[in-house]
N, C-alpha and C. Protein backbone atom coordinates (compact mmCIF):
# COMPACT_ATOMS: atom_id res chain seq x y z
N MET A 1 0.82 -1.24 0.02
CA MET A 1 -0.07 -0.10 0.11
C MET A 1 0.94 1.22 0.04
N GLN A 2 0.58 2.27 -0.82
CA GLN A 2 1.22 3.63 -0.92
C GLN A 2 0.36 4.75 -0.11
N THR A 3 0.89 5.34 0.64
CA THR A 3 0.06 6.49 1.19
C THR A 3 0.70 7.71 0.73
N ILE A 4 -0.35 8.68 0.45
CA ILE A 4 -0.28 9.77 -0.35
C ILE A 4 -0.93 10.85 0.60
N PHE A 5 0.01 11.91 0.51
CA PHE A 5 -0.51 13.36 0.71
C PHE A 5 -1.00 14.01 -0.41
N LEU A 6 -2.12 14.66 -0.49
CA LEU A 6 -2.66 15.24 -1.54
C LEU A 6 -3.49 16.23 -1.35
N SER A 7 -3.27 17.48 -1.86
CA SER A 7 -4.22 18.97 -2.00
C SER A 7 -4.37 19.12 -3.27
N GLY A 8 -5.50 19.98 -3.43
CA GLY A 8 -6.32 20.40 -4.85
C GLY A 8 -7.10 20.79 -4.54
N ASN A 9 -8.08 21.21 -5.57
CA ASN A 9 -9.25 21.61 -5.65
C ASN A 9 -10.17 20.35 -6.48
N LEU A 10 -11.43 20.35 -6.00
CA LEU A 10 -12.45 19.38 -6.15
C LEU A 10 -12.98 19.71 -7.58
N ALA A 11 -12.94 19.09 -8.69
CA ALA A 11 -13.14 18.72 -10.05
C ALA A 11 -14.87 18.90 -10.12
N ALA A 12 -15.66 18.51 -9.28
CA ALA A 12 -16.93 18.23 -9.34
C ALA A 12 -17.52 18.11 -8.00
N ASP A 13 -18.82 18.32 -7.64
CA ASP A 13 -19.54 18.18 -6.79
C ASP A 13 -19.36 16.73 -6.11
N CYS A 14 -19.18 16.24 -4.90
CA CYS A 14 -18.91 15.24 -4.51
C CYS A 14 -20.32 14.37 -4.71
N GLU A 15 -20.23 12.75 -4.59
CA GLU A 15 -21.57 11.99 -4.75
C GLU A 15 -21.44 11.21 -3.60
N ILE A 16 -22.62 10.71 -3.17
CA ILE A 16 -22.90 9.55 -2.36
C ILE A 16 -22.95 8.10 -3.15
N VAL A 17 -22.35 7.26 -3.10
CA VAL A 17 -22.50 6.10 -3.85
C VAL A 17 -22.80 4.94 -2.54
N LYS A 18 -23.30 3.74 -3.39
CA LYS A 18 -23.60 2.82 -2.30
C LYS A 18 -22.50 1.61 -3.11
N GLY A 19 -22.03 0.91 -2.11
CA GLY A 19 -20.88 -0.13 -2.41
C GLY A 19 -21.77 -1.66 -2.71
N LYS A 20 -20.82 -2.44 -2.91
CA LYS A 20 -21.49 -3.72 -3.19
C LYS A 20 -22.03 -4.31 -1.80
N ASP A 21 -21.83 -4.07 -0.92
CA ASP A 21 -22.50 -4.42 0.76
C ASP A 21 -23.36 -3.44 1.15
N GLU A 22 -23.90 -2.43 -0.09
CA GLU A 22 -24.94 -1.62 0.24
C GLU A 22 -24.39 -0.48 1.52
N ALA A 23 -23.20 -0.39 1.82
CA ALA A 23 -22.65 0.64 2.68
C ALA A 23 -22.32 1.91 1.78
N GLU A 24 -22.73 3.05 2.36
CA GLU A 24 -22.78 4.31 1.59
C GLU A 24 -21.18 4.91 1.89
N PHE A 25 -20.73 5.50 0.79
CA PHE A 25 -19.54 6.07 0.82
C PHE A 25 -19.68 7.36 -0.03
N ILE A 26 -18.64 8.37 0.11
CA ILE A 26 -18.65 9.48 -0.91
C ILE A 26 -17.52 9.21 -1.96
N ARG A 27 -17.73 9.86 -2.94
CA ARG A 27 -16.72 9.95 -4.23
C ARG A 27 -16.60 11.20 -4.74
N PHE A 28 -15.30 11.78 -4.81
CA PHE A 28 -15.05 13.08 -5.43
C PHE A 28 -13.73 13.07 -6.18
N THR A 29 -13.56 13.86 -6.93
CA THR A 29 -12.32 13.81 -7.71
C THR A 29 -11.58 15.31 -7.25
N VAL A 30 -10.20 15.07 -7.09
CA VAL A 30 -9.22 16.25 -6.78
C VAL A 30 -8.26 16.37 -7.98
N ALA A 31 -8.42 17.61 -8.49
CA ALA A 31 -7.29 18.04 -9.50
C ALA A 31 -5.91 18.57 -8.81
N ALA A 32 -4.85 18.05 -8.90
CA ALA A 32 -3.92 18.46 -8.03
C ALA A 32 -2.80 18.82 -9.33
N ASN A 33 -1.93 20.00 -9.09
CA ASN A 33 -0.77 20.43 -9.98
C ASN A 33 0.28 20.45 -9.04
N ASP A 34 1.18 20.25 -9.79
CA ASP A 34 2.58 20.16 -9.35
C ASP A 34 3.32 21.52 -9.54
N PRO A 35 3.39 22.40 -8.42
CA PRO A 35 3.77 23.74 -8.20
C PRO A 35 5.05 24.03 -9.15
N ALA A 36 6.06 22.78 -9.33
CA ALA A 36 7.13 23.07 -9.91
C ALA A 36 6.75 23.18 -11.60
N GLU A 37 5.71 22.73 -11.98
CA GLU A 37 5.39 22.40 -13.55
C GLU A 37 4.07 23.38 -13.76
N LYS A 38 4.64 24.76 -14.06
CA LYS A 38 3.82 25.70 -14.14
C LYS A 38 2.87 25.34 -15.35
N ASP A 39 3.15 24.97 -16.58
CA ASP A 39 2.24 24.69 -17.77
C ASP A 39 1.66 23.16 -17.97
N GLU A 40 1.75 22.31 -16.99
CA GLU A 40 1.43 21.27 -16.91
C GLU A 40 0.05 21.04 -16.43
N LYS A 41 -0.69 20.20 -17.08
CA LYS A 41 -2.07 19.94 -16.86
C LYS A 41 -2.21 19.15 -15.50
N PRO A 42 -3.28 19.40 -14.58
CA PRO A 42 -3.49 18.83 -13.36
C PRO A 42 -3.26 17.38 -13.44
N THR A 43 -3.20 16.41 -12.47
CA THR A 43 -3.35 15.08 -12.55
C THR A 43 -4.90 14.92 -11.43
N TYR A 44 -5.67 14.19 -12.10
CA TYR A 44 -6.91 13.57 -11.42
C TYR A 44 -6.88 12.62 -10.56
N TYR A 45 -7.29 12.61 -9.24
CA TYR A 45 -7.33 11.52 -8.44
C TYR A 45 -9.15 11.49 -7.91
N THR A 46 -9.44 9.94 -8.21
CA THR A 46 -10.62 9.88 -7.89
C THR A 46 -10.82 9.16 -6.39
N CYS A 47 -11.38 10.05 -5.42
CA CYS A 47 -11.22 9.87 -3.96
C CYS A 47 -12.47 9.20 -3.37
N ARG A 48 -12.48 8.25 -2.43
CA ARG A 48 -13.24 7.59 -1.83
C ARG A 48 -13.38 7.54 -0.27
N MET A 49 -14.59 7.71 0.34
CA MET A 49 -14.32 7.94 1.80
C MET A 49 -15.46 7.58 2.45
N ARG A 50 -15.70 6.87 3.42
CA ARG A 50 -16.74 6.34 4.18
C ARG A 50 -17.56 7.28 4.97
N LYS A 51 -17.10 8.32 5.24
CA LYS A 51 -17.68 9.38 6.27
C LYS A 51 -18.79 10.32 4.92
N THR A 52 -19.74 9.98 5.06
CA THR A 52 -20.65 10.52 4.17
C THR A 52 -21.26 11.88 4.58
N GLY A 53 -20.98 12.23 6.08
CA GLY A 53 -21.62 13.37 6.42
C GLY A 53 -21.06 14.64 6.14
N VAL A 54 -19.76 14.65 5.35
CA VAL A 54 -19.18 15.78 4.83
C VAL A 54 -19.34 16.03 3.53
N ALA A 55 -20.31 15.32 2.89
CA ALA A 55 -20.85 15.39 1.43
C ALA A 55 -21.14 16.72 1.03
N ASP A 56 -21.99 17.43 1.89
CA ASP A 56 -22.66 18.67 1.41
C ASP A 56 -21.38 19.87 1.70
N LEU A 57 -20.19 19.80 2.18
CA LEU A 57 -19.18 20.55 2.13
C LEU A 57 -18.19 20.30 0.83
N LEU A 58 -18.40 19.39 0.16
CA LEU A 58 -17.60 19.11 -0.92
C LEU A 58 -18.03 19.50 -2.19
N LYS A 59 -17.93 20.59 -2.47
CA LYS A 59 -18.42 21.27 -3.87
C LYS A 59 -17.39 21.44 -4.87
N LYS A 60 -17.93 21.74 -5.78
CA LYS A 60 -16.80 21.88 -7.21
C LYS A 60 -16.00 23.25 -6.73
N GLY A 61 -14.63 23.19 -7.08
CA GLY A 61 -13.85 24.26 -6.74
C GLY A 61 -13.10 24.27 -5.28
N ARG A 62 -13.72 23.70 -4.21
CA ARG A 62 -13.31 23.82 -3.09
C ARG A 62 -12.04 22.93 -2.78
N TYR A 63 -11.28 23.71 -2.05
CA TYR A 63 -9.89 23.16 -1.93
C TYR A 63 -9.89 22.21 -0.57
N VAL A 64 -9.11 21.08 -0.77
CA VAL A 64 -9.24 20.24 -0.18
C VAL A 64 -7.58 19.68 0.19
N ALA A 65 -7.37 18.95 1.39
CA ALA A 65 -6.12 18.15 1.86
C ALA A 65 -6.25 16.94 2.27
N LEU A 66 -5.84 16.02 1.93
CA LEU A 66 -5.95 14.62 2.36
C LEU A 66 -4.78 13.84 2.71
N VAL A 67 -5.09 12.59 3.37
CA VAL A 67 -4.33 11.43 3.40
C VAL A 67 -4.91 10.25 3.09
N GLY A 68 -4.27 9.54 1.87
CA GLY A 68 -5.17 8.19 1.94
C GLY A 68 -4.07 7.04 1.33
N SER A 69 -4.51 6.11 0.67
CA SER A 69 -4.23 5.04 0.26
C SER A 69 -4.05 5.06 -1.17
N LEU A 70 -3.29 4.75 -1.93
CA LEU A 70 -3.15 5.22 -3.53
C LEU A 70 -3.05 3.94 -4.24
N LYS A 71 -3.83 3.70 -5.17
CA LYS A 71 -3.73 2.49 -6.30
C LYS A 71 -3.65 3.39 -7.60
N VAL A 72 -2.87 2.60 -8.13
CA VAL A 72 -2.63 3.16 -9.46
C VAL A 72 -3.02 2.13 -10.66
N ARG A 73 -4.08 2.36 -11.33
CA ARG A 73 -4.26 1.05 -12.55
C ARG A 73 -4.41 1.88 -14.00
N GLU A 74 -4.06 0.95 -14.74
CA GLU A 74 -4.22 1.08 -16.17
C GLU A 74 -5.19 0.55 -16.84
N ASN A 75 -6.04 1.42 -17.72
CA ASN A 75 -7.18 0.83 -18.37
C ASN A 75 -6.84 1.09 -20.13
N VAL A 76 -7.07 0.34 -20.81
CA VAL A 76 -7.18 0.51 -22.19
C VAL A 76 -8.16 0.56 -22.65
N LYS A 77 -8.55 1.55 -23.62
CA LYS A 77 -10.22 1.68 -24.25
C LYS A 77 -9.72 2.43 -25.67
N GLU A 78 -10.54 1.73 -26.45
CA GLU A 78 -10.35 2.00 -28.03
C GLU A 78 -8.85 2.53 -28.23
N GLU A 79 -8.02 1.32 -27.99
CA GLU A 79 -6.64 1.44 -28.16
C GLU A 79 -5.95 2.51 -27.59
N LYS A 80 -6.45 3.26 -26.53
CA LYS A 80 -5.81 4.24 -25.77
C LYS A 80 -5.49 3.65 -24.50
N THR A 81 -4.23 4.09 -23.83
CA THR A 81 -4.10 3.72 -22.33
C THR A 81 -4.54 4.92 -21.22
N TYR A 82 -5.24 4.54 -20.40
CA TYR A 82 -5.57 5.56 -19.53
C TYR A 82 -4.86 5.28 -18.00
N VAL A 83 -4.46 6.05 -17.42
CA VAL A 83 -3.92 5.70 -15.88
C VAL A 83 -5.02 6.35 -14.85
N ASN A 84 -5.44 5.42 -14.07
CA ASN A 84 -6.35 5.75 -12.99
C ASN A 84 -5.76 5.92 -11.60
N HIS A 85 -5.73 7.03 -11.01
CA HIS A 85 -5.30 7.10 -9.56
C HIS A 85 -6.68 7.09 -8.60
N ASP A 86 -6.53 6.10 -7.87
CA ASP A 86 -7.73 5.91 -7.01
C ASP A 86 -7.08 6.23 -5.27
N VAL A 87 -7.81 6.44 -4.90
CA VAL A 87 -7.46 7.01 -3.42
C VAL A 87 -8.55 6.67 -2.32
N TRP A 88 -8.05 5.97 -1.53
CA TRP A 88 -9.31 5.57 -0.28
C TRP A 88 -8.64 6.68 1.10
N VAL A 89 -9.52 7.54 1.22
CA VAL A 89 -9.27 8.60 2.26
C VAL A 89 -9.39 8.06 3.71
N GLN A 90 -8.21 8.21 4.25
CA GLN A 90 -8.01 8.14 5.95
C GLN A 90 -8.40 9.39 6.33
N SER A 91 -7.88 10.51 5.87
CA SER A 91 -8.10 11.97 6.75
C SER A 91 -8.39 13.00 5.99
N LEU A 92 -9.17 13.84 6.11
CA LEU A 92 -9.79 14.81 5.13
C LEU A 92 -9.81 16.26 5.86
N ASP A 93 -9.00 17.22 5.41
CA ASP A 93 -9.26 18.64 5.86
C ASP A 93 -9.56 19.49 4.40
N VAL A 94 -10.43 20.38 5.19
CA VAL A 94 -11.10 21.23 4.04
C VAL A 94 -10.83 22.47 4.77
N PRO A 95 -9.55 23.23 4.54
CA PRO A 95 -9.23 24.46 5.49
C PRO A 95 -9.80 25.73 5.15
N SER A 96 -10.67 26.07 4.39
CA SER A 96 -11.27 27.10 4.05
C SER A 96 -12.40 26.99 4.89
N LEU A 97 -12.76 25.97 5.53
CA LEU A 97 -14.04 25.99 6.64
C LEU A 97 -13.63 26.40 7.99
N SER A 98 -12.41 26.09 8.01
CA SER A 98 -11.89 26.34 9.70
C SER A 98 -11.41 27.84 9.94
N GLU A 99 -11.41 28.52 8.61
CA GLU A 99 -10.71 30.09 8.81
C GLU A 99 -11.76 30.89 9.42
């Protein structure tokens, strides 16, 4: 397992999803930029978290910081290879709410 510290802005509002065991979790996408690479496109991370009570706070554009477990997968679709970055969130901070 790889642990990742990640910060960035939400690419869309988060959504509440039911898993295979019918347990609810939230799913959201974080767009993160490398500050050293000014002209580079952001990397998108699909994040999942069991704590659904924060769903109303996670709206598009909101800045978040998190710690989680990273899993990287490759998918091939129509002869193109895509890399998916999936994160199970262990700790979430929404700094702009605490100011």
